Structures are given as structure tokens and as C-alpha cells.
Amino acid sequence: MPSKKIFAYSQLLLLFFIVFFLSAILFSRVIQKGEIVSVPDLMGKTLEAARSDLAEHKLTLIEKGEEYSDQWERGRIVRQEPPAGSKIKINKTVKVVLSSGSEMVDVPKLTGRSLEAATKMLVELGLNKGKVSQIHTPEYAAGRIIAQEPSPSPQKVKRNTPINLLVSQGDVEPRYLMPDLIGRKAGETVSWLKALGFQVADIRYSFYPGLESGIIIKQFPPQGHGIAKRSLITLEVSR
């Protein structure tokens, strides 16, 4: 009898282990099947929208750079790996590449703009400032763009193309020879210079033995030096 009980008990124990392992295998397969998800289509979406979609599928996103795209605007997804519809396990990553915009851009019209404003516009469009040349002209104020190469749209160029600029230096400013002011009366001379449109920037007074007060004893620029009306003149006067 004892041997029969032991045998029966052994049979029950063996049956228990068989059922346990079969249940474990079946449960494992069910769990594994539940971990598989379909990758959503992320093409054309923003990073924020793509992350949200992947989070619903228990997937994460990795950004893998940018590339030019004529189809999608800047910041939109142009490629993904794995592709949409692929079956992967949850908690896996999906790699995406973003659009940096079209490689071809319109050439802006820069004529009449300041050099500073034109440079800023080129940077915003992904273009480069090329060679800058300057000429005098009465038609444009100093610092304004007169011409450009390449010419404006409808022409298109690749990003990073240099745009050459011709910039105005304003009208040609007349030049004069600085006269000899030494020994002249300061008050009359200063009035005369200002009436002609010249700028007396500074008058300094110094004691000069044997000379009455108010006489010019030094000048800058010196006699014969080329000046324009915007040049600053400095005088030293006896006191």
C-alpha cells in the first residue's frame, strides 16, 4: 500500500509540473504577443506630434539629424526607421530625420536696404553675404545697397550661395585745402569757417608772451592738409 501511495503521489506531482510548465509557456507567448506593436506613420509630422503618437504605442523617438526636402517644410519628419507599419516590441526606439527645408531658395530683393538689414535677411534665408564693393553715388544714401548678384526672384539658388553686393558710399564729398590760420583773430576766423560750413570742434587757450589775446597760435589740421566740411578743426588761441 505505501508503495502504491508513493506512486500515485509521484504521478500527481509529475502532472502538476507538466501543467505548470505548459501554463508558463502559454503565458509567456501571450505576454510576448502583447509586447508587439505597429509603428505609426510619422511622415510630415512635427517632433512634438511624433513623440505623442509613439508614446501611445509605448515607443520612444530619437532625432537623427536633418536633410533638405522639397516636399516637407522645415522641422517636419522626412524619414523614419523602422518604416510605418513595421512590427516591433514596446519600449523600442524609432529614429527620425527632419526637414531643413528646400535646398533651393528665392533670391531676395536687397536694393535700397541697408547693408546691415540685407546681411540679416541673407542669414535668415540660409544665404551668404558675398563680395561687398562700394562706390560713390548721389542716388543712394551711404550704406544702402545699389545692386546685387545674383539678381532677385523669380531666380532660385541653392542655400549657402554667396550674394555679391554693391553698396553706396553716398555722394562724393568735396575736398578742400586747409588754409593758414596762424596769426589771425580767433573770433573772426571761427565765424568765417562756420559760415562756410566747416566744423570748429575745439578751441584751447594758452598764454603766449608778447601776443595779444584772441590770436590763433596753433591749428589742426595743418596748412595745406586736405579736409572735408565734416572734418573737425581744432585751434589753440592766445589768452
C-alpha atoms as a PDB file:
ATOM      1  CA  MET A   1       0.000   0.000   0.000  1.00  0.00           C
ATOM      2  CA  PRO A   2       2.653   2.542   0.896  1.00  0.00           C
ATOM      3  CA  SER A   3       4.367   1.975  -2.469  1.00  0.00           C
ATOM      4  CA  LYS A   4       1.078   2.496  -4.316  1.00  0.00           C
ATOM      5  CA  LYS A   5       0.507   5.787  -2.476  1.00  0.00           C
ATOM      6  CA  ILE A   6       4.013   6.958  -3.277  1.00  0.00           C
ATOM      7  CA  PHE A   7       3.496   6.048  -6.952  1.00  0.00           C
ATOM      8  CA  ALA A   8       0.165   7.904  -7.055  1.00  0.00           C
ATOM      9  CA  TYR A   9       1.690  10.888  -5.366  1.00  0.00           C
ATOM     10  CA  SER A  10       4.543  10.869  -7.880  1.00  0.00           C
ATOM     11  CA  GLN A  11       2.064  10.775 -10.749  1.00  0.00           C
ATOM     12  CA  LEU A  12       0.177  13.752  -9.334  1.00  0.00           C
ATOM     13  CA  LEU A  13       3.413  15.701  -8.827  1.00  0.00           C
ATOM     14  CA  LEU A  14       4.533  14.968 -12.383  1.00  0.00           C
ATOM     15  CA  LEU A  15       1.147  16.062 -13.731  1.00  0.00           C
ATOM     16  CA  PHE A  16       1.406  19.275 -11.688  1.00  0.00           C
ATOM     17  CA  PHE A  17       4.829  20.127 -13.172  1.00  0.00           C
ATOM     18  CA  ILE A  18       3.614  19.377 -16.703  1.00  0.00           C
ATOM     19  CA  VAL A  19       0.604  21.664 -16.260  1.00  0.00           C
ATOM     20  CA  PHE A  20       2.812  24.347 -14.649  1.00  0.00           C
ATOM     21  CA  PHE A  21       5.344  24.412 -17.498  1.00  0.00           C
ATOM     22  CA  LEU A  22       2.627  24.329 -20.176  1.00  0.00           C
ATOM     23  CA  SER A  23       0.896  27.239 -18.445  1.00  0.00           C
ATOM     24  CA  ALA A  24       4.196  29.164 -18.204  1.00  0.00           C
ATOM     25  CA  ILE A  25       4.919  28.661 -21.906  1.00  0.00           C
ATOM     26  CA  LEU A  26       1.391  29.716 -22.871  1.00  0.00           C
ATOM     27  CA  PHE A  27       1.534  32.765 -20.585  1.00  0.00           C
ATOM     28  CA  SER A  28       4.929  33.754 -21.969  1.00  0.00           C
ATOM     29  CA  ARG A  29       3.613  33.620 -25.514  1.00  0.00           C
ATOM     30  CA  VAL A  30       0.610  35.732 -24.579  1.00  0.00           C
ATOM     31  CA  ILE A  31       2.860  38.320 -22.924  1.00  0.00           C
ATOM     32  CA  GLN A  32       5.245  38.389 -25.886  1.00  0.00           C
ATOM     33  CA  LYS A  33       2.351  38.814 -28.284  1.00  0.00           C
ATOM     34  CA  GLY A  34       1.114  41.778 -26.236  1.00  0.00           C
ATOM     35  CA  GLU A  35       4.567  43.475 -26.482  1.00  0.00           C
ATOM     36  CA  ILE A  36       4.431  43.719 -30.274  1.00  0.00           C
ATOM     37  CA  VAL A  37       3.079  46.998 -31.708  1.00  0.00           C
ATOM     38  CA  SER A  38       2.766  48.533 -35.164  1.00  0.00           C
ATOM     39  CA  VAL A  39       4.954  51.586 -35.870  1.00  0.00           C
ATOM     40  CA  PRO A  40       2.760  54.616 -36.697  1.00  0.00           C
ATOM     41  CA  ASP A  41       3.297  56.789 -39.787  1.00  0.00           C
ATOM     42  CA  LEU A  42       5.306  59.840 -38.707  1.00  0.00           C
ATOM     43  CA  MET A  43       5.991  61.374 -42.126  1.00  0.00           C
ATOM     44  CA  GLY A  44       5.294  65.098 -42.267  1.00  0.00           C
ATOM     45  CA  LYS A  45       4.675  65.411 -38.541  1.00  0.00           C
ATOM     46  CA  THR A  46       6.447  67.688 -36.066  1.00  0.00           C
ATOM     47  CA  LEU A  47       8.670  66.222 -33.351  1.00  0.00           C
ATOM     48  CA  GLU A  48       6.041  67.029 -30.721  1.00  0.00           C
ATOM     49  CA  ALA A  49       3.268  65.269 -32.622  1.00  0.00           C
ATOM     50  CA  ALA A  50       5.503  62.282 -33.412  1.00  0.00           C
ATOM     51  CA  ARG A  51       6.525  61.835 -29.776  1.00  0.00           C
ATOM     52  CA  SER A  52       2.885  61.906 -28.759  1.00  0.00           C
ATOM     53  CA  ASP A  53       1.943  59.238 -31.330  1.00  0.00           C
ATOM     54  CA  LEU A  54       4.838  56.998 -30.334  1.00  0.00           C
ATOM     55  CA  ALA A  55       4.044  57.373 -26.636  1.00  0.00           C
ATOM     56  CA  GLU A  56       0.568  55.952 -27.291  1.00  0.00           C
ATOM     57  CA  HIS A  57       2.278  52.876 -28.742  1.00  0.00           C
ATOM     58  CA  LYS A  58       4.812  52.739 -25.873  1.00  0.00           C
ATOM     59  CA  LEU A  59       7.657  53.669 -28.229  1.00  0.00           C
ATOM     60  CA  THR A  60      10.264  56.429 -27.979  1.00  0.00           C
ATOM     61  CA  LEU A  61      11.744  58.816 -30.555  1.00  0.00           C
ATOM     62  CA  ILE A  62      15.366  59.585 -31.459  1.00  0.00           C
ATOM     63  CA  GLU A  63      16.225  62.532 -33.729  1.00  0.00           C
ATOM     64  CA  LYS A  64      18.954  61.659 -36.268  1.00  0.00           C
ATOM     65  CA  GLY A  65      19.683  64.982 -37.981  1.00  0.00           C
ATOM     66  CA  GLU A  66      18.281  66.949 -40.902  1.00  0.00           C
ATOM     67  CA  GLU A  67      18.221  66.872 -44.690  1.00  0.00           C
ATOM     68  CA  TYR A  68      16.867  69.056 -47.471  1.00  0.00           C
ATOM     69  CA  SER A  69      13.321  68.355 -48.637  1.00  0.00           C
ATOM     70  CA  ASP A  70      11.164  69.982 -51.295  1.00  0.00           C
ATOM     71  CA  GLN A  71       8.108  68.076 -50.034  1.00  0.00           C
ATOM     72  CA  TRP A  72       8.128  68.956 -46.335  1.00  0.00           C
ATOM     73  CA  GLU A  73       8.701  72.306 -44.677  1.00  0.00           C
ATOM     74  CA  ARG A  74      11.472  72.879 -42.147  1.00  0.00           C
ATOM     75  CA  GLY A  75      11.033  70.910 -38.900  1.00  0.00           C
ATOM     76  CA  ARG A  76       8.791  68.172 -40.366  1.00  0.00           C
ATOM     77  CA  ILE A  77       9.776  64.497 -40.394  1.00  0.00           C
ATOM     78  CA  VAL A  78      11.003  63.279 -43.802  1.00  0.00           C
ATOM     79  CA  ARG A  79      12.275  59.789 -42.910  1.00  0.00           C
ATOM     80  CA  GLN A  80      11.720  57.227 -40.163  1.00  0.00           C
ATOM     81  CA  GLU A  81      13.289  53.929 -39.207  1.00  0.00           C
ATOM     82  CA  PRO A  82      11.629  51.453 -38.847  1.00  0.00           C
ATOM     83  CA  PRO A  83       9.100  52.464 -41.528  1.00  0.00           C
ATOM     84  CA  ALA A  84       5.395  52.846 -40.797  1.00  0.00           C
ATOM     85  CA  GLY A  85       3.568  49.553 -40.285  1.00  0.00           C
ATOM     86  CA  SER A  86       6.615  47.672 -39.015  1.00  0.00           C
ATOM     87  CA  LYS A  87       6.027  45.312 -36.057  1.00  0.00           C
ATOM     88  CA  ILE A  88       8.355  45.919 -33.096  1.00  0.00           C
ATOM     89  CA  LYS A  89       8.354  45.358 -29.342  1.00  0.00           C
ATOM     90  CA  ILE A  90       7.210  48.090 -26.995  1.00  0.00           C
ATOM     91  CA  ASN A  91       9.828  50.395 -25.407  1.00  0.00           C
ATOM     92  CA  LYS A  92      11.879  50.307 -28.608  1.00  0.00           C
ATOM     93  CA  THR A  93      13.028  53.488 -30.382  1.00  0.00           C
ATOM     94  CA  VAL A  94      12.041  54.959 -33.718  1.00  0.00           C
ATOM     95  CA  LYS A  95      14.669  57.119 -35.467  1.00  0.00           C
ATOM     96  CA  VAL A  96      13.566  60.145 -37.480  1.00  0.00           C
ATOM     97  CA  VAL A  97      15.198  62.684 -39.822  1.00  0.00           C
ATOM     98  CA  LEU A  98      13.831  66.232 -40.004  1.00  0.00           C
ATOM     99  CA  SER A  99      13.436  68.514 -42.993  1.00  0.00           C
ATOM    100  CA  SER A 100      15.758  71.522 -43.154  1.00  0.00           C
ATOM    101  CA  GLY A 101      13.552  72.998 -45.860  1.00  0.00           C
ATOM    102  CA  SER A 102      14.084  73.139 -49.599  1.00  0.00           C
ATOM    103  CA  GLU A 103      17.672  73.283 -50.842  1.00  0.00           C
ATOM    104  CA  MET A 104      16.593  75.924 -53.358  1.00  0.00           C
ATOM    105  CA  VAL A 105      15.548  79.365 -52.073  1.00  0.00           C
ATOM    106  CA  ASP A 106      14.315  82.587 -53.665  1.00  0.00           C
ATOM    107  CA  VAL A 107      16.884  85.343 -54.047  1.00  0.00           C
ATOM    108  CA  PRO A 108      15.542  88.352 -52.071  1.00  0.00           C
ATOM    109  CA  LYS A 109      15.460  91.897 -53.412  1.00  0.00           C
ATOM    110  CA  LEU A 110      18.072  93.819 -51.445  1.00  0.00           C
ATOM    111  CA  THR A 111      18.297  97.043 -53.447  1.00  0.00           C
ATOM    112  CA  GLY A 112      17.674 100.093 -51.267  1.00  0.00           C
ATOM    113  CA  ARG A 113      18.161  98.204 -47.996  1.00  0.00           C
ATOM    114  CA  SER A 114      20.952  98.957 -45.557  1.00  0.00           C
ATOM    115  CA  LEU A 115      23.925  96.601 -45.583  1.00  0.00           C
ATOM    116  CA  GLU A 116      23.068  95.516 -42.027  1.00  0.00           C
ATOM    117  CA  ALA A 117      19.444  94.684 -42.904  1.00  0.00           C
ATOM    118  CA  ALA A 118      20.500  92.869 -46.098  1.00  0.00           C
ATOM    119  CA  THR A 119      23.029  90.748 -44.203  1.00  0.00           C
ATOM    120  CA  LYS A 120      20.419  89.755 -41.617  1.00  0.00           C
ATOM    121  CA  MET A 121      17.925  88.778 -44.352  1.00  0.00           C
ATOM    122  CA  LEU A 122      20.512  86.611 -46.134  1.00  0.00           C
ATOM    123  CA  VAL A 123      21.299  84.744 -42.911  1.00  0.00           C
ATOM    124  CA  GLU A 124      17.598  84.092 -42.245  1.00  0.00           C
ATOM    125  CA  LEU A 125      17.189  82.637 -45.764  1.00  0.00           C
ATOM    126  CA  GLY A 126      20.281  80.440 -45.496  1.00  0.00           C
ATOM    127  CA  LEU A 127      22.306  82.512 -47.970  1.00  0.00           C
ATOM    128  CA  ASN A 128      25.757  84.043 -47.528  1.00  0.00           C
ATOM    129  CA  LYS A 129      26.998  87.583 -47.950  1.00  0.00           C
ATOM    130  CA  GLY A 130      29.460  87.519 -50.824  1.00  0.00           C
ATOM    131  CA  LYS A 131      31.856  90.188 -52.057  1.00  0.00           C
ATOM    132  CA  VAL A 132      30.943  93.744 -50.991  1.00  0.00           C
ATOM    133  CA  SER A 133      32.010  96.576 -53.317  1.00  0.00           C
ATOM    134  CA  GLN A 134      31.465 100.299 -52.740  1.00  0.00           C
ATOM    135  CA  ILE A 135      31.079 103.333 -54.986  1.00  0.00           C
ATOM    136  CA  HIS A 136      30.079 106.974 -54.556  1.00  0.00           C
ATOM    137  CA  THR A 137      26.658 107.902 -55.906  1.00  0.00           C
ATOM    138  CA  PRO A 138      24.162 110.701 -55.174  1.00  0.00           C
ATOM    139  CA  GLU A 139      21.236 108.342 -55.888  1.00  0.00           C
ATOM    140  CA  TYR A 140      21.561 106.268 -52.707  1.00  0.00           C
ATOM    141  CA  ALA A 141      22.445 107.234 -49.149  1.00  0.00           C
ATOM    142  CA  ALA A 142      25.695 105.896 -47.763  1.00  0.00           C
ATOM    143  CA  GLY A 143      25.401 102.267 -46.658  1.00  0.00           C
ATOM    144  CA  ARG A 144      22.470 101.394 -48.969  1.00  0.00           C
ATOM    145  CA  ILE A 145      22.515  98.507 -51.463  1.00  0.00           C
ATOM    146  CA  ILE A 146      22.710  99.710 -55.090  1.00  0.00           C
ATOM    147  CA  ALA A 147      22.870  96.359 -56.901  1.00  0.00           C
ATOM    148  CA  GLN A 148      23.256  92.622 -56.248  1.00  0.00           C
ATOM    149  CA  GLU A 149      24.389  89.463 -57.994  1.00  0.00           C
ATOM    150  CA  PRO A 150      22.571  87.067 -58.425  1.00  0.00           C
ATOM    151  CA  SER A 151      19.530  89.202 -59.207  1.00  0.00           C
ATOM    152  CA  PRO A 152      16.292  88.828 -57.179  1.00  0.00           C
ATOM    153  CA  SER A 153      13.491  86.255 -57.652  1.00  0.00           C
ATOM    154  CA  PRO A 154      11.986  84.593 -59.616  1.00  0.00           C
ATOM    155  CA  GLN A 155      15.523  83.252 -59.704  1.00  0.00           C
ATOM    156  CA  LYS A 156      16.281  80.492 -57.201  1.00  0.00           C
ATOM    157  CA  VAL A 157      19.677  79.416 -55.880  1.00  0.00           C
ATOM    158  CA  LYS A 158      20.987  76.746 -53.536  1.00  0.00           C
ATOM    159  CA  ARG A 159      21.312  77.515 -49.848  1.00  0.00           C
ATOM    160  CA  ASN A 160      24.681  78.966 -48.776  1.00  0.00           C
ATOM    161  CA  THR A 161      25.096  80.652 -52.172  1.00  0.00           C
ATOM    162  CA  PRO A 162      27.037  83.942 -51.746  1.00  0.00           C
ATOM    163  CA  ILE A 163      25.204  87.104 -52.844  1.00  0.00           C
ATOM    164  CA  ASN A 164      27.567  89.855 -54.032  1.00  0.00           C
ATOM    165  CA  LEU A 165      26.567  93.403 -53.104  1.00  0.00           C
ATOM    166  CA  LEU A 166      27.334  96.880 -54.423  1.00  0.00           C
ATOM    167  CA  VAL A 167      26.988  99.463 -51.640  1.00  0.00           C
ATOM    168  CA  SER A 168      26.679 103.228 -51.873  1.00  0.00           C
ATOM    169  CA  GLN A 169      29.208 105.498 -50.194  1.00  0.00           C
ATOM    170  CA  GLY A 170      26.930 108.457 -50.748  1.00  0.00           C
ATOM    171  CA  ASP A 171      27.710 111.477 -52.893  1.00  0.00           C
ATOM    172  CA  VAL A 172      31.346 112.389 -53.496  1.00  0.00           C
ATOM    173  CA  GLU A 173      32.299 114.815 -50.742  1.00  0.00           C
ATOM    174  CA  PRO A 174      34.238 117.902 -51.924  1.00  0.00           C
ATOM    175  CA  ARG A 175      37.780 118.249 -50.591  1.00  0.00           C
ATOM    176  CA  TYR A 176      39.493 121.466 -49.604  1.00  0.00           C
ATOM    177  CA  LEU A 177      42.986 122.600 -48.624  1.00  0.00           C
ATOM    178  CA  MET A 178      43.293 123.778 -45.049  1.00  0.00           C
ATOM    179  CA  PRO A 179      44.264 127.483 -45.065  1.00  0.00           C
ATOM    180  CA  ASP A 180      46.931 129.082 -42.872  1.00  0.00           C
ATOM    181  CA  LEU A 181      45.116 130.432 -39.800  1.00  0.00           C
ATOM    182  CA  ILE A 182      48.145 131.247 -37.661  1.00  0.00           C
ATOM    183  CA  GLY A 183      48.181 134.887 -36.557  1.00  0.00           C
ATOM    184  CA  ARG A 184      44.542 135.553 -37.375  1.00  0.00           C
ATOM    185  CA  LYS A 185      41.983 136.722 -34.874  1.00  0.00           C
ATOM    186  CA  ALA A 186      40.158 133.715 -33.500  1.00  0.00           C
ATOM    187  CA  GLY A 187      36.667 135.225 -33.257  1.00  0.00           C
ATOM    188  CA  GLU A 188      36.539 136.415 -36.875  1.00  0.00           C
ATOM    189  CA  THR A 189      38.194 133.244 -38.189  1.00  0.00           C
ATOM    190  CA  VAL A 190      35.828 130.898 -36.375  1.00  0.00           C
ATOM    191  CA  SER A 191      32.789 132.810 -37.662  1.00  0.00           C
ATOM    192  CA  TRP A 192      34.213 132.700 -41.181  1.00  0.00           C
ATOM    193  CA  LEU A 193      34.840 128.912 -41.034  1.00  0.00           C
ATOM    194  CA  LYS A 194      31.353 128.164 -39.687  1.00  0.00           C
ATOM    195  CA  ALA A 195      29.749 130.373 -42.350  1.00  0.00           C
ATOM    196  CA  LEU A 196      31.487 128.234 -44.980  1.00  0.00           C
ATOM    197  CA  GLY A 197      30.122 125.056 -43.381  1.00  0.00           C
ATOM    198  CA  PHE A 198      33.292 123.855 -41.631  1.00  0.00           C
ATOM    199  CA  GLN A 199      33.270 122.495 -38.078  1.00  0.00           C
ATOM    200  CA  VAL A 200      35.440 124.002 -35.351  1.00  0.00           C
ATOM    201  CA  ALA A 201      35.420 121.218 -32.769  1.00  0.00           C
ATOM    202  CA  ASP A 202      37.652 122.621 -30.062  1.00  0.00           C
ATOM    203  CA  ILE A 203      39.320 125.907 -29.060  1.00  0.00           C
ATOM    204  CA  ARG A 204      42.068 125.826 -26.454  1.00  0.00           C
ATOM    205  CA  TYR A 205      43.593 128.878 -24.799  1.00  0.00           C
ATOM    206  CA  SER A 206      47.277 129.230 -23.891  1.00  0.00           C
ATOM    207  CA  PHE A 207      49.470 132.072 -22.645  1.00  0.00           C
ATOM    208  CA  TYR A 208      51.856 133.331 -25.369  1.00  0.00           C
ATOM    209  CA  PRO A 209      54.370 136.026 -24.314  1.00  0.00           C
ATOM    210  CA  GLY A 210      54.210 139.263 -26.294  1.00  0.00           C
ATOM    211  CA  LEU A 211      50.975 138.350 -28.132  1.00  0.00           C
ATOM    212  CA  GLU A 212      47.620 139.895 -27.507  1.00  0.00           C
ATOM    213  CA  SER A 213      44.762 137.604 -26.525  1.00  0.00           C
ATOM    214  CA  GLY A 214      42.470 136.050 -29.117  1.00  0.00           C
ATOM    215  CA  ILE A 215      45.141 135.277 -31.737  1.00  0.00           C
ATOM    216  CA  ILE A 216      45.425 131.803 -33.278  1.00  0.00           C
ATOM    217  CA  ILE A 217      48.807 130.282 -32.439  1.00  0.00           C
ATOM    218  CA  LYS A 218      48.259 126.657 -33.486  1.00  0.00           C
ATOM    219  CA  GLN A 219      45.842 124.796 -35.779  1.00  0.00           C
ATOM    220  CA  PHE A 220      44.880 121.252 -36.676  1.00  0.00           C
ATOM    221  CA  PRO A 221      44.734 120.094 -39.440  1.00  0.00           C
ATOM    222  CA  PRO A 222      47.859 121.988 -40.521  1.00  0.00           C
ATOM    223  CA  GLN A 223      48.046 124.333 -43.520  1.00  0.00           C
ATOM    224  CA  GLY A 224      47.734 122.565 -46.887  1.00  0.00           C
ATOM    225  CA  HIS A 225      46.121 119.418 -45.420  1.00  0.00           C
ATOM    226  CA  GLY A 226      43.140 118.037 -47.352  1.00  0.00           C
ATOM    227  CA  ILE A 227      39.848 118.344 -45.452  1.00  0.00           C
ATOM    228  CA  ALA A 228      36.101 117.947 -45.984  1.00  0.00           C
ATOM    229  CA  LYS A 229      33.392 120.052 -44.420  1.00  0.00           C
ATOM    230  CA  ARG A 230      32.702 117.315 -41.888  1.00  0.00           C
ATOM    231  CA  SER A 231      36.358 117.304 -40.787  1.00  0.00           C
ATOM    232  CA  LEU A 232      36.920 118.569 -37.229  1.00  0.00           C
ATOM    233  CA  ILE A 233      39.147 121.646 -36.801  1.00  0.00           C
ATOM    234  CA  THR A 234      40.998 122.380 -33.567  1.00  0.00           C
ATOM    235  CA  LEU A 235      42.523 125.756 -32.707  1.00  0.00           C
ATOM    236  CA  GLU A 236      44.854 126.976 -29.996  1.00  0.00           C
ATOM    237  CA  VAL A 237      44.350 130.651 -29.142  1.00  0.00           C
ATOM    238  CA  SER A 238      46.401 133.117 -27.047  1.00  0.00           C
ATOM    239  CA  ARG A 239      44.865 134.474 -23.900  1.00  0.00           C
END
